[in-house]
Amino acid sequence: MRRKLRPPLPPRHGLDPARLKMPAEGPWTTLREHLVERLPRVAPERIAEMLREDRIVGLDGPLGVDSPFVPDSFIWFHRDLPDEVEVPFEISVLHRDEHFLIADKPHFLATIPRGRHILQTALVRLRRELDLPRLTPAHRLDRVTAGLILFVITPEVRGRYQTMFRDRLVHKEYEAIARYDPELAMPREISSRIVKERGVIAAQEVDGPPNAETRVELIEHRDGLGRYRLLPATGRTHQLRLHMSGLGLPILGDDFYPELTETPLDDFTEPLQLLAKVLEFTDPVTGERRRFESRRTLDAWTDLDAWRRGP
């Protein structure tokens, strides 16, 4: 097994540099010519500027504007950061030991860097605040979902915790707030087939063999609203939101289901009332039984007007 090349650039903002491997052959004379063709979203002037500023490096050091194209070589660089809307909510740590930590994520904070969310993500915030540059999530939550996420601290055991989630060895409980329907019998089991097409923002339920299972329980109800416990047996994209919407009980604050609604990134009113409340599992390293419970609550249940107003 080949050893992974160590980046010659240090992390920035808790993020490793991007790495590109050059093709085995091609018509390019210089590295700049290749990058202009390979990175069409980056202006050619910006590529030249990064080369002049020694921001693109190879194994032997910085590469300049006239550096030749070298087949099968590697380069590293830090991508330019997008303009981001600051998420004005803190992420808390409920547990930390030698191998992993449990974070209690707020609404509107993405789990990992992606697209327009880089610094305003749970992973980057925790790496920077806790000085843990190798921290890695074992699973993910949607940006608009609050609650518990397990992050692995020790790289050598990362696979054990990630496999635990992949093999459905983790008991997960969610809470949700939605309207109350006295005609709808509870509890109930939901089973359907969910597909998510690449490039399409919303998932959908289609005909075919089921691949998503959820148990829905009513905890309590008042004033036309219900507080529900959701127990997913599987982990399909947007599974809980789709299953609740399919019951005619869309989760409060859901701007995807049943109808997709555009919401500005700086609008922190009416957050999705979905909370990853409980994680329970047998620790794959120590063999201990672990149970963690979020300290967060869903605002629509305690103060509906405050939930609508936002922070």
C-alpha atoms as a PDB file:
ATOM      1  CA  MET A   1       0.000   0.000   0.000  1.00  0.00           C
ATOM      2  CA  ARG A   2       1.400   3.388  -1.005  1.00  0.00           C
ATOM      3  CA  ARG A   3       1.974   5.898   1.762  1.00  0.00           C
ATOM      4  CA  LYS A   4      -0.039   9.083   1.276  1.00  0.00           C
ATOM      5  CA  LEU A   5       2.120  12.071   0.369  1.00  0.00           C
ATOM      6  CA  ARG A   6       2.406  14.608   3.163  1.00  0.00           C
ATOM      7  CA  PRO A   7       1.291  18.066   1.971  1.00  0.00           C
ATOM      8  CA  PRO A   8       4.194  20.540   1.767  1.00  0.00           C
ATOM      9  CA  LEU A   9       1.783  23.318   2.811  1.00  0.00           C
ATOM     10  CA  PRO A  10       0.423  23.546   6.384  1.00  0.00           C
ATOM     11  CA  PRO A  11      -3.330  23.608   7.032  1.00  0.00           C
ATOM     12  CA  ARG A  12      -5.071  26.971   6.753  1.00  0.00           C
ATOM     13  CA  HIS A  13      -8.192  27.754   8.769  1.00  0.00           C
ATOM     14  CA  GLY A  14      -8.207  24.093   9.829  1.00  0.00           C
ATOM     15  CA  LEU A  15      -8.228  22.869   6.213  1.00  0.00           C
ATOM     16  CA  ASP A  16      -5.600  20.888   4.349  1.00  0.00           C
ATOM     17  CA  PRO A  17      -4.509  22.227   0.960  1.00  0.00           C
ATOM     18  CA  ALA A  18      -6.060  20.879  -2.214  1.00  0.00           C
ATOM     19  CA  ARG A  19      -3.913  18.338  -4.069  1.00  0.00           C
ATOM     20  CA  LEU A  20      -3.864  17.771  -7.821  1.00  0.00           C
ATOM     21  CA  LYS A  21      -2.088  15.006  -9.721  1.00  0.00           C
ATOM     22  CA  MET A  22      -0.882  15.930 -13.185  1.00  0.00           C
ATOM     23  CA  PRO A  23      -1.899  13.696 -16.120  1.00  0.00           C
ATOM     24  CA  ALA A  24       0.611  11.217 -17.538  1.00  0.00           C
ATOM     25  CA  GLU A  25       0.715  13.150 -20.791  1.00  0.00           C
ATOM     26  CA  GLY A  26      -0.759  16.194 -22.482  1.00  0.00           C
ATOM     27  CA  PRO A  27      -0.136  19.108 -24.843  1.00  0.00           C
ATOM     28  CA  TRP A  28       0.743  21.674 -22.159  1.00  0.00           C
ATOM     29  CA  THR A  29       4.189  23.261 -22.031  1.00  0.00           C
ATOM     30  CA  THR A  30       3.746  24.978 -18.682  1.00  0.00           C
ATOM     31  CA  LEU A  31       1.896  24.172 -15.482  1.00  0.00           C
ATOM     32  CA  ARG A  32      -0.062  27.415 -15.863  1.00  0.00           C
ATOM     33  CA  GLU A  33      -1.438  26.322 -19.245  1.00  0.00           C
ATOM     34  CA  HIS A  34      -2.669  23.063 -17.745  1.00  0.00           C
ATOM     35  CA  LEU A  35      -4.274  24.731 -14.713  1.00  0.00           C
ATOM     36  CA  VAL A  36      -6.115  27.279 -16.860  1.00  0.00           C
ATOM     37  CA  GLU A  37      -7.705  24.388 -18.751  1.00  0.00           C
ATOM     38  CA  ARG A  38      -8.235  22.184 -15.704  1.00  0.00           C
ATOM     39  CA  LEU A  39      -9.703  24.834 -13.401  1.00  0.00           C
ATOM     40  CA  PRO A  40     -12.239  26.658 -15.603  1.00  0.00           C
ATOM     41  CA  ARG A  41     -13.969  28.253 -12.595  1.00  0.00           C
ATOM     42  CA  VAL A  42     -10.760  30.066 -11.639  1.00  0.00           C
ATOM     43  CA  ALA A  43      -9.858  33.092 -13.756  1.00  0.00           C
ATOM     44  CA  PRO A  44      -6.576  32.676 -15.700  1.00  0.00           C
ATOM     45  CA  GLU A  45      -5.334  35.924 -14.124  1.00  0.00           C
ATOM     46  CA  ARG A  46      -5.933  34.456 -10.661  1.00  0.00           C
ATOM     47  CA  ILE A  47      -3.956  31.304 -11.493  1.00  0.00           C
ATOM     48  CA  ALA A  48      -1.044  33.428 -12.700  1.00  0.00           C
ATOM     49  CA  GLU A  49      -1.262  35.564  -9.550  1.00  0.00           C
ATOM     50  CA  MET A  50      -1.160  32.491  -7.289  1.00  0.00           C
ATOM     51  CA  LEU A  51       1.919  31.214  -9.116  1.00  0.00           C
ATOM     52  CA  ARG A  52       3.648  34.592  -8.794  1.00  0.00           C
ATOM     53  CA  GLU A  53       2.852  34.663  -5.054  1.00  0.00           C
ATOM     54  CA  ASP A  54       4.322  31.144  -4.490  1.00  0.00           C
ATOM     55  CA  ARG A  55       0.894  29.855  -3.428  1.00  0.00           C
ATOM     56  CA  ILE A  56       1.125  26.738  -5.601  1.00  0.00           C
ATOM     57  CA  VAL A  57       3.817  24.291  -4.554  1.00  0.00           C
ATOM     58  CA  GLY A  58       5.249  20.946  -5.555  1.00  0.00           C
ATOM     59  CA  LEU A  59       7.294  18.449  -3.568  1.00  0.00           C
ATOM     60  CA  ASP A  60      10.411  20.588  -4.096  1.00  0.00           C
ATOM     61  CA  GLY A  61       8.872  23.943  -3.251  1.00  0.00           C
ATOM     62  CA  PRO A  62       6.942  26.818  -4.843  1.00  0.00           C
ATOM     63  CA  LEU A  63       6.169  26.754  -8.548  1.00  0.00           C
ATOM     64  CA  GLY A  64       6.329  29.865 -10.718  1.00  0.00           C
ATOM     65  CA  VAL A  65       4.438  31.249 -13.706  1.00  0.00           C
ATOM     66  CA  ASP A  66       6.883  29.629 -16.149  1.00  0.00           C
ATOM     67  CA  SER A  67       7.224  26.298 -14.335  1.00  0.00           C
ATOM     68  CA  PRO A  68       7.058  23.446 -16.854  1.00  0.00           C
ATOM     69  CA  PHE A  69       4.270  20.917 -16.932  1.00  0.00           C
ATOM     70  CA  VAL A  70       5.626  17.712 -15.349  1.00  0.00           C
ATOM     71  CA  PRO A  71       3.615  14.541 -16.081  1.00  0.00           C
ATOM     72  CA  ASP A  72       2.480  12.465 -13.077  1.00  0.00           C
ATOM     73  CA  SER A  73       3.671  15.106 -10.594  1.00  0.00           C
ATOM     74  CA  PHE A  74       1.662  16.516  -7.682  1.00  0.00           C
ATOM     75  CA  ILE A  75       0.885  20.093  -6.710  1.00  0.00           C
ATOM     76  CA  TRP A  76      -0.776  21.607  -3.650  1.00  0.00           C
ATOM     77  CA  PHE A  77      -2.535  24.925  -3.034  1.00  0.00           C
ATOM     78  CA  HIS A  78      -5.172  26.495  -0.823  1.00  0.00           C
ATOM     79  CA  ARG A  79      -8.357  27.415  -2.645  1.00  0.00           C
ATOM     80  CA  ASP A  80      -9.732  30.932  -2.339  1.00  0.00           C
ATOM     81  CA  LEU A  81     -12.453  31.101   0.296  1.00  0.00           C
ATOM     82  CA  PRO A  82     -15.990  32.161  -0.651  1.00  0.00           C
ATOM     83  CA  ASP A  83     -17.723  35.077   1.027  1.00  0.00           C
ATOM     84  CA  GLU A  84     -19.697  33.445   3.825  1.00  0.00           C
ATOM     85  CA  VAL A  85     -22.576  34.473   6.025  1.00  0.00           C
ATOM     86  CA  GLU A  86     -21.536  34.053   9.652  1.00  0.00           C
ATOM     87  CA  VAL A  87     -23.686  31.572  11.563  1.00  0.00           C
ATOM     88  CA  PRO A  88     -24.326  33.315  14.910  1.00  0.00           C
ATOM     89  CA  PHE A  89     -24.703  30.171  17.006  1.00  0.00           C
ATOM     90  CA  GLU A  90     -22.142  28.245  19.034  1.00  0.00           C
ATOM     91  CA  ILE A  91     -21.320  24.567  18.706  1.00  0.00           C
ATOM     92  CA  SER A  92     -20.814  22.820  22.040  1.00  0.00           C
ATOM     93  CA  VAL A  93     -18.841  19.695  22.962  1.00  0.00           C
ATOM     94  CA  LEU A  94     -20.670  17.245  25.234  1.00  0.00           C
ATOM     95  CA  HIS A  95     -17.915  14.631  25.469  1.00  0.00           C
ATOM     96  CA  ARG A  96     -14.245  14.316  24.590  1.00  0.00           C
ATOM     97  CA  ASP A  97     -11.811  11.500  25.221  1.00  0.00           C
ATOM     98  CA  GLU A  98      -8.677  10.137  23.581  1.00  0.00           C
ATOM     99  CA  HIS A  99     -10.395   8.883  20.454  1.00  0.00           C
ATOM    100  CA  PHE A 100     -13.568  10.869  19.758  1.00  0.00           C
ATOM    101  CA  LEU A 101     -15.751  13.775  20.755  1.00  0.00           C
ATOM    102  CA  ILE A 102     -19.492  14.402  20.627  1.00  0.00           C
ATOM    103  CA  ALA A 103     -20.533  17.829  19.364  1.00  0.00           C
ATOM    104  CA  ASP A 104     -23.975  19.360  19.798  1.00  0.00           C
ATOM    105  CA  LYS A 105     -24.480  21.271  16.540  1.00  0.00           C
ATOM    106  CA  PRO A 106     -26.808  24.259  16.141  1.00  0.00           C
ATOM    107  CA  HIS A 107     -29.183  24.764  13.239  1.00  0.00           C
ATOM    108  CA  PHE A 108     -27.760  26.412  10.083  1.00  0.00           C
ATOM    109  CA  LEU A 109     -24.190  25.146  10.584  1.00  0.00           C
ATOM    110  CA  ALA A 110     -23.021  22.644   7.942  1.00  0.00           C
ATOM    111  CA  THR A 111     -21.099  19.591   9.112  1.00  0.00           C
ATOM    112  CA  ILE A 112     -18.225  19.717   6.598  1.00  0.00           C
ATOM    113  CA  PRO A 113     -16.867  22.259   4.083  1.00  0.00           C
ATOM    114  CA  ARG A 114     -18.775  22.259   0.835  1.00  0.00           C
ATOM    115  CA  GLY A 115     -19.803  24.846  -1.755  1.00  0.00           C
ATOM    116  CA  ARG A 116     -20.557  28.172  -0.078  1.00  0.00           C
ATOM    117  CA  HIS A 117     -19.898  26.838   3.430  1.00  0.00           C
ATOM    118  CA  ILE A 118     -16.221  26.507   4.394  1.00  0.00           C
ATOM    119  CA  LEU A 119     -15.244  28.335   7.579  1.00  0.00           C
ATOM    120  CA  GLN A 120     -18.840  28.329   8.828  1.00  0.00           C
ATOM    121  CA  THR A 121     -18.914  24.558   9.313  1.00  0.00           C
ATOM    122  CA  ALA A 122     -18.796  22.371  12.394  1.00  0.00           C
ATOM    123  CA  LEU A 123     -15.611  20.616  11.273  1.00  0.00           C
ATOM    124  CA  VAL A 124     -13.567  23.761  10.634  1.00  0.00           C
ATOM    125  CA  ARG A 125     -14.794  25.503  13.775  1.00  0.00           C
ATOM    126  CA  LEU A 126     -13.869  22.540  15.973  1.00  0.00           C
ATOM    127  CA  ARG A 127     -10.499  21.995  14.313  1.00  0.00           C
ATOM    128  CA  ARG A 128      -9.585  25.624  14.939  1.00  0.00           C
ATOM    129  CA  GLU A 129     -11.116  26.085  18.394  1.00  0.00           C
ATOM    130  CA  LEU A 130      -9.773  22.805  19.807  1.00  0.00           C
ATOM    131  CA  ASP A 131      -6.503  22.714  17.815  1.00  0.00           C
ATOM    132  CA  LEU A 132      -7.362  19.295  16.374  1.00  0.00           C
ATOM    133  CA  PRO A 133      -6.229  19.472  12.707  1.00  0.00           C
ATOM    134  CA  ARG A 134      -6.925  15.749  12.080  1.00  0.00           C
ATOM    135  CA  LEU A 135     -10.479  15.806  13.430  1.00  0.00           C
ATOM    136  CA  THR A 136     -12.907  13.959  11.119  1.00  0.00           C
ATOM    137  CA  PRO A 137     -16.689  13.382  11.288  1.00  0.00           C
ATOM    138  CA  ALA A 138     -17.840   9.754  11.516  1.00  0.00           C
ATOM    139  CA  HIS A 139     -21.231  10.751  10.012  1.00  0.00           C
ATOM    140  CA  ARG A 140     -23.069  13.930   9.033  1.00  0.00           C
ATOM    141  CA  LEU A 141     -26.123  16.034   9.733  1.00  0.00           C
ATOM    142  CA  ASP A 142     -27.872  18.355   7.296  1.00  0.00           C
ATOM    143  CA  ARG A 143     -26.972  22.034   7.702  1.00  0.00           C
ATOM    144  CA  VAL A 144     -30.478  22.854   8.933  1.00  0.00           C
ATOM    145  CA  THR A 145     -30.678  19.948  11.403  1.00  0.00           C
ATOM    146  CA  ALA A 146     -29.401  20.478  14.946  1.00  0.00           C
ATOM    147  CA  GLY A 147     -27.988  17.921  17.370  1.00  0.00           C
ATOM    148  CA  LEU A 148     -25.343  15.292  17.943  1.00  0.00           C
ATOM    149  CA  ILE A 149     -22.398  14.471  15.681  1.00  0.00           C
ATOM    150  CA  LEU A 150     -19.517  12.122  16.497  1.00  0.00           C
ATOM    151  CA  PHE A 151     -16.071  13.363  15.403  1.00  0.00           C
ATOM    152  CA  VAL A 152     -13.010  11.104  15.479  1.00  0.00           C
ATOM    153  CA  ILE A 153      -9.825  12.528  17.020  1.00  0.00           C
ATOM    154  CA  THR A 154      -7.379   9.640  16.504  1.00  0.00           C
ATOM    155  CA  PRO A 155      -6.753   8.911  12.789  1.00  0.00           C
ATOM    156  CA  GLU A 156      -5.746   5.299  13.478  1.00  0.00           C
ATOM    157  CA  VAL A 157      -9.241   4.370  14.729  1.00  0.00           C
ATOM    158  CA  ARG A 158     -11.258   6.578  12.365  1.00  0.00           C
ATOM    159  CA  GLY A 159     -12.432   3.641  10.270  1.00  0.00           C
ATOM    160  CA  ARG A 160     -13.855   1.782  13.273  1.00  0.00           C
ATOM    161  CA  TYR A 161     -16.233   4.606  14.146  1.00  0.00           C
ATOM    162  CA  GLN A 162     -17.198   5.342  10.536  1.00  0.00           C
ATOM    163  CA  THR A 163     -17.890   1.642   9.934  1.00  0.00           C
ATOM    164  CA  MET A 164     -20.106   1.584  13.006  1.00  0.00           C
ATOM    165  CA  PHE A 165     -22.418   4.127  11.373  1.00  0.00           C
ATOM    166  CA  ARG A 166     -22.205   2.483   7.951  1.00  0.00           C
ATOM    167  CA  ASP A 167     -23.224  -0.891   9.406  1.00  0.00           C
ATOM    168  CA  ARG A 168     -26.159   0.624  11.352  1.00  0.00           C
ATOM    169  CA  LEU A 169     -24.730  -0.256  14.738  1.00  0.00           C
ATOM    170  CA  VAL A 170     -25.646   3.130  16.196  1.00  0.00           C
ATOM    171  CA  HIS A 171     -29.038   3.725  17.813  1.00  0.00           C
ATOM    172  CA  LYS A 172     -30.236   7.186  16.768  1.00  0.00           C
ATOM    173  CA  GLU A 173     -33.231   9.108  18.032  1.00  0.00           C
ATOM    174  CA  TYR A 174     -34.508  12.390  16.625  1.00  0.00           C
ATOM    175  CA  GLU A 175     -37.145  14.804  17.807  1.00  0.00           C
ATOM    176  CA  ALA A 176     -39.351  16.828  15.479  1.00  0.00           C
ATOM    177  CA  ILE A 177     -42.179  19.335  15.778  1.00  0.00           C
ATOM    178  CA  ALA A 178     -45.029  19.113  13.257  1.00  0.00           C
ATOM    179  CA  ARG A 179     -48.771  19.578  13.243  1.00  0.00           C
ATOM    180  CA  TYR A 180     -50.888  17.131  15.215  1.00  0.00           C
ATOM    181  CA  ASP A 181     -53.456  15.010  13.371  1.00  0.00           C
ATOM    182  CA  PRO A 182     -55.815  13.154  15.757  1.00  0.00           C
ATOM    183  CA  GLU A 183     -56.945  10.938  12.867  1.00  0.00           C
ATOM    184  CA  LEU A 184     -53.430   9.600  12.302  1.00  0.00           C
ATOM    185  CA  ALA A 185     -52.724   6.503  14.397  1.00  0.00           C
ATOM    186  CA  MET A 186     -49.408   6.435  16.252  1.00  0.00           C
ATOM    187  CA  PRO A 187     -46.890   4.900  16.503  1.00  0.00           C
ATOM    188  CA  ARG A 188     -46.349   3.790  12.925  1.00  0.00           C
ATOM    189  CA  GLU A 189     -43.650   2.295  10.747  1.00  0.00           C
ATOM    190  CA  ILE A 190     -42.832   3.906   7.407  1.00  0.00           C
ATOM    191  CA  SER A 191     -41.002   2.098   4.634  1.00  0.00           C
ATOM    192  CA  SER A 192     -40.325   3.549   1.183  1.00  0.00           C
ATOM    193  CA  ARG A 193     -37.742   3.916  -1.563  1.00  0.00           C
ATOM    194  CA  ILE A 194     -35.856   7.234  -1.560  1.00  0.00           C
ATOM    195  CA  VAL A 195     -33.599   8.410  -4.370  1.00  0.00           C
ATOM    196  CA  LYS A 196     -31.436  11.518  -4.595  1.00  0.00           C
ATOM    197  CA  GLU A 197     -30.155  12.463  -8.029  1.00  0.00           C
ATOM    198  CA  ARG A 198     -26.779  14.154  -8.345  1.00  0.00           C
ATOM    199  CA  GLY A 199     -27.206  17.876  -8.900  1.00  0.00           C
ATOM    200  CA  VAL A 200     -30.841  17.878  -7.707  1.00  0.00           C
ATOM    201  CA  ILE A 201     -31.268  19.550  -4.334  1.00  0.00           C
ATOM    202  CA  ALA A 202     -34.266  17.538  -3.081  1.00  0.00           C
ATOM    203  CA  ALA A 203     -34.702  13.782  -2.740  1.00  0.00           C
ATOM    204  CA  GLN A 204     -37.901  11.977  -3.651  1.00  0.00           C
ATOM    205  CA  GLU A 205     -39.853   8.831  -2.864  1.00  0.00           C
ATOM    206  CA  VAL A 206     -40.313   6.519  -5.853  1.00  0.00           C
ATOM    207  CA  ASP A 207     -41.756   3.114  -6.611  1.00  0.00           C
ATOM    208  CA  GLY A 208     -39.493   0.144  -5.985  1.00  0.00           C
ATOM    209  CA  PRO A 209     -37.995  -1.960  -3.208  1.00  0.00           C
ATOM    210  CA  PRO A 210     -37.854   0.018   0.069  1.00  0.00           C
ATOM    211  CA  ASN A 211     -34.464   1.355   1.150  1.00  0.00           C
ATOM    212  CA  ALA A 212     -35.603   3.687   3.945  1.00  0.00           C
ATOM    213  CA  GLU A 213     -37.325   2.794   7.228  1.00  0.00           C
ATOM    214  CA  THR A 214     -38.500   5.083  10.028  1.00  0.00           C
ATOM    215  CA  ARG A 215     -40.563   4.569  13.169  1.00  0.00           C
ATOM    216  CA  VAL A 216     -42.633   7.620  14.152  1.00  0.00           C
ATOM    217  CA  GLU A 217     -43.897   8.013  17.732  1.00  0.00           C
ATOM    218  CA  LEU A 218     -46.006  10.808  19.199  1.00  0.00           C
ATOM    219  CA  ILE A 219     -44.474  12.006  22.484  1.00  0.00           C
ATOM    220  CA  GLU A 220     -47.102  14.640  23.301  1.00  0.00           C
ATOM    221  CA  HIS A 221     -49.329  17.233  21.651  1.00  0.00           C
ATOM    222  CA  ARG A 222     -50.898  20.607  22.403  1.00  0.00           C
ATOM    223  CA  ASP A 223     -52.381  23.560  20.537  1.00  0.00           C
ATOM    224  CA  GLY A 224     -52.453  21.707  17.236  1.00  0.00           C
ATOM    225  CA  LEU A 225     -48.779  20.740  17.335  1.00  0.00           C
ATOM    226  CA  GLY A 226     -47.154  17.395  18.069  1.00  0.00           C
ATOM    227  CA  ARG A 227     -43.734  16.551  19.444  1.00  0.00           C
ATOM    228  CA  TYR A 228     -42.530  13.399  17.721  1.00  0.00           C
ATOM    229  CA  ARG A 229     -39.763  10.862  18.303  1.00  0.00           C
ATOM    230  CA  LEU A 230     -38.281   9.616  15.024  1.00  0.00           C
ATOM    231  CA  LEU A 231     -36.291   6.368  14.968  1.00  0.00           C
ATOM    232  CA  PRO A 232     -34.562   5.804  11.627  1.00  0.00           C
ATOM    233  CA  ALA A 233     -33.432   2.267  10.847  1.00  0.00           C
ATOM    234  CA  THR A 234     -31.667   3.541   7.724  1.00  0.00           C
ATOM    235  CA  GLY A 235     -29.922   6.775   6.798  1.00  0.00           C
ATOM    236  CA  ARG A 236     -31.079   7.963   3.378  1.00  0.00           C
ATOM    237  CA  THR A 237     -30.731  11.620   2.403  1.00  0.00           C
ATOM    238  CA  HIS A 238     -33.567  13.697   3.920  1.00  0.00           C
ATOM    239  CA  GLN A 239     -35.277  10.481   5.026  1.00  0.00           C
ATOM    240  CA  LEU A 240     -36.994  11.854   8.122  1.00  0.00           C
ATOM    241  CA  ARG A 241     -38.174  15.003   6.367  1.00  0.00           C
ATOM    242  CA  LEU A 242     -39.600  13.018   3.455  1.00  0.00           C
ATOM    243  CA  HIS A 243     -41.323  10.455   5.657  1.00  0.00           C
ATOM    244  CA  MET A 244     -42.948  13.105   7.846  1.00  0.00           C
ATOM    245  CA  SER A 245     -44.056  15.057   4.791  1.00  0.00           C
ATOM    246  CA  GLY A 246     -45.468  11.860   3.298  1.00  0.00           C
ATOM    247  CA  LEU A 247     -47.644  11.454   6.391  1.00  0.00           C
ATOM    248  CA  GLY A 248     -49.041  14.927   5.810  1.00  0.00           C
ATOM    249  CA  LEU A 249     -47.003  16.184   8.786  1.00  0.00           C
ATOM    250  CA  PRO A 250     -44.148  18.235   7.299  1.00  0.00           C
ATOM    251  CA  ILE A 251     -41.653  19.279   9.953  1.00  0.00           C
ATOM    252  CA  LEU A 252     -41.967  22.926  10.931  1.00  0.00           C
ATOM    253  CA  GLY A 253     -39.429  25.072   9.118  1.00  0.00           C
ATOM    254  CA  ASP A 254     -38.851  22.577   6.304  1.00  0.00           C
ATOM    255  CA  ASP A 255     -38.243  24.582   3.129  1.00  0.00           C
ATOM    256  CA  PHE A 256     -37.684  21.451   0.996  1.00  0.00           C
ATOM    257  CA  TYR A 257     -40.723  19.261   1.653  1.00  0.00           C
ATOM    258  CA  PRO A 258     -43.428  19.143   0.534  1.00  0.00           C
ATOM    259  CA  GLU A 259     -42.494  22.237  -1.522  1.00  0.00           C
ATOM    260  CA  LEU A 260     -39.036  23.620  -2.303  1.00  0.00           C
ATOM    261  CA  THR A 261     -38.692  27.230  -1.129  1.00  0.00           C
ATOM    262  CA  GLU A 262     -35.644  29.454  -1.598  1.00  0.00           C
ATOM    263  CA  THR A 263     -34.417  30.837   1.729  1.00  0.00           C
ATOM    264  CA  PRO A 264     -31.538  33.378   1.970  1.00  0.00           C
ATOM    265  CA  LEU A 265     -28.482  32.093   3.838  1.00  0.00           C
ATOM    266  CA  ASP A 266     -28.687  35.020   6.259  1.00  0.00           C
ATOM    267  CA  ASP A 267     -32.291  34.203   7.251  1.00  0.00           C
ATOM    268  CA  PHE A 268     -32.105  32.489  10.632  1.00  0.00           C
ATOM    269  CA  THR A 269     -35.816  32.636  11.391  1.00  0.00           C
ATOM    270  CA  GLU A 270     -37.986  29.495  11.616  1.00  0.00           C
ATOM    271  CA  PRO A 271     -35.187  26.889  11.744  1.00  0.00           C
ATOM    272  CA  LEU A 272     -36.107  23.329  10.806  1.00  0.00           C
ATOM    273  CA  GLN A 273     -37.594  21.744  13.920  1.00  0.00           C
ATOM    274  CA  LEU A 274     -35.541  18.563  13.705  1.00  0.00           C
ATOM    275  CA  LEU A 275     -33.046  17.570  16.388  1.00  0.00           C
ATOM    276  CA  ALA A 276     -30.622  14.634  16.477  1.00  0.00           C
ATOM    277  CA  LYS A 277     -31.376  13.927  20.132  1.00  0.00           C
ATOM    278  CA  VAL A 278     -29.672  10.612  21.038  1.00  0.00           C
ATOM    279  CA  LEU A 279     -26.640   8.582  19.937  1.00  0.00           C
ATOM    280  CA  GLU A 280     -26.129   5.193  21.581  1.00  0.00           C
ATOM    281  CA  PHE A 281     -23.574   2.543  20.611  1.00  0.00           C
ATOM    282  CA  THR A 282     -20.960   0.097  21.808  1.00  0.00           C
ATOM    283  CA  ASP A 283     -17.581   1.805  21.548  1.00  0.00           C
ATOM    284  CA  PRO A 284     -15.624  -0.155  18.889  1.00  0.00           C
ATOM    285  CA  VAL A 285     -12.316   0.642  20.614  1.00  0.00           C
ATOM    286  CA  THR A 286     -13.078   0.180  24.334  1.00  0.00           C
ATOM    287  CA  GLY A 287     -16.162  -2.062  24.200  1.00  0.00           C
ATOM    288  CA  GLU A 288     -18.060   0.311  26.522  1.00  0.00           C
ATOM    289  CA  ARG A 289     -21.738   1.044  25.997  1.00  0.00           C
ATOM    290  CA  ARG A 290     -22.111   4.764  25.275  1.00  0.00           C
ATOM    291  CA  ARG A 291     -25.192   6.988  25.288  1.00  0.00           C
ATOM    292  CA  PHE A 292     -25.267  10.720  24.600  1.00  0.00           C
ATOM    293  CA  GLU A 293     -28.230  13.106  24.598  1.00  0.00           C
ATOM    294  CA  SER A 294     -28.415  16.595  23.112  1.00  0.00           C
ATOM    295  CA  ARG A 295     -28.964  19.491  25.480  1.00  0.00           C
ATOM    296  CA  ARG A 296     -30.741  21.489  22.805  1.00  0.00           C
ATOM    297  CA  THR A 297     -34.491  21.949  22.584  1.00  0.00           C
ATOM    298  CA  LEU A 298     -36.789  22.794  19.689  1.00  0.00           C
ATOM    299  CA  ASP A 299     -37.962  26.391  19.996  1.00  0.00           C
ATOM    300  CA  ALA A 300     -41.306  25.919  18.258  1.00  0.00           C
ATOM    301  CA  TRP A 301     -42.439  23.677  21.108  1.00  0.00           C
ATOM    302  CA  THR A 302     -41.408  25.985  23.923  1.00  0.00           C
ATOM    303  CA  ASP A 303     -42.081  29.384  22.289  1.00  0.00           C
ATOM    304  CA  LEU A 304     -43.655  29.391  18.833  1.00  0.00           C
ATOM    305  CA  ASP A 305     -43.425  33.166  18.434  1.00  0.00           C
ATOM    306  CA  ALA A 306     -39.717  33.175  19.330  1.00  0.00           C
ATOM    307  CA  TRP A 307     -39.102  30.430  16.780  1.00  0.00           C
ATOM    308  CA  ARG A 308     -40.762  32.545  14.080  1.00  0.00           C
ATOM    309  CA  ARG A 309     -38.802  35.668  15.005  1.00  0.00           C
ATOM    310  CA  GLY A 310     -35.415  33.989  15.092  1.00  0.00           C
ATOM    311  CA  PRO A 311     -32.383  35.294  17.019  1.00  0.00           C
END
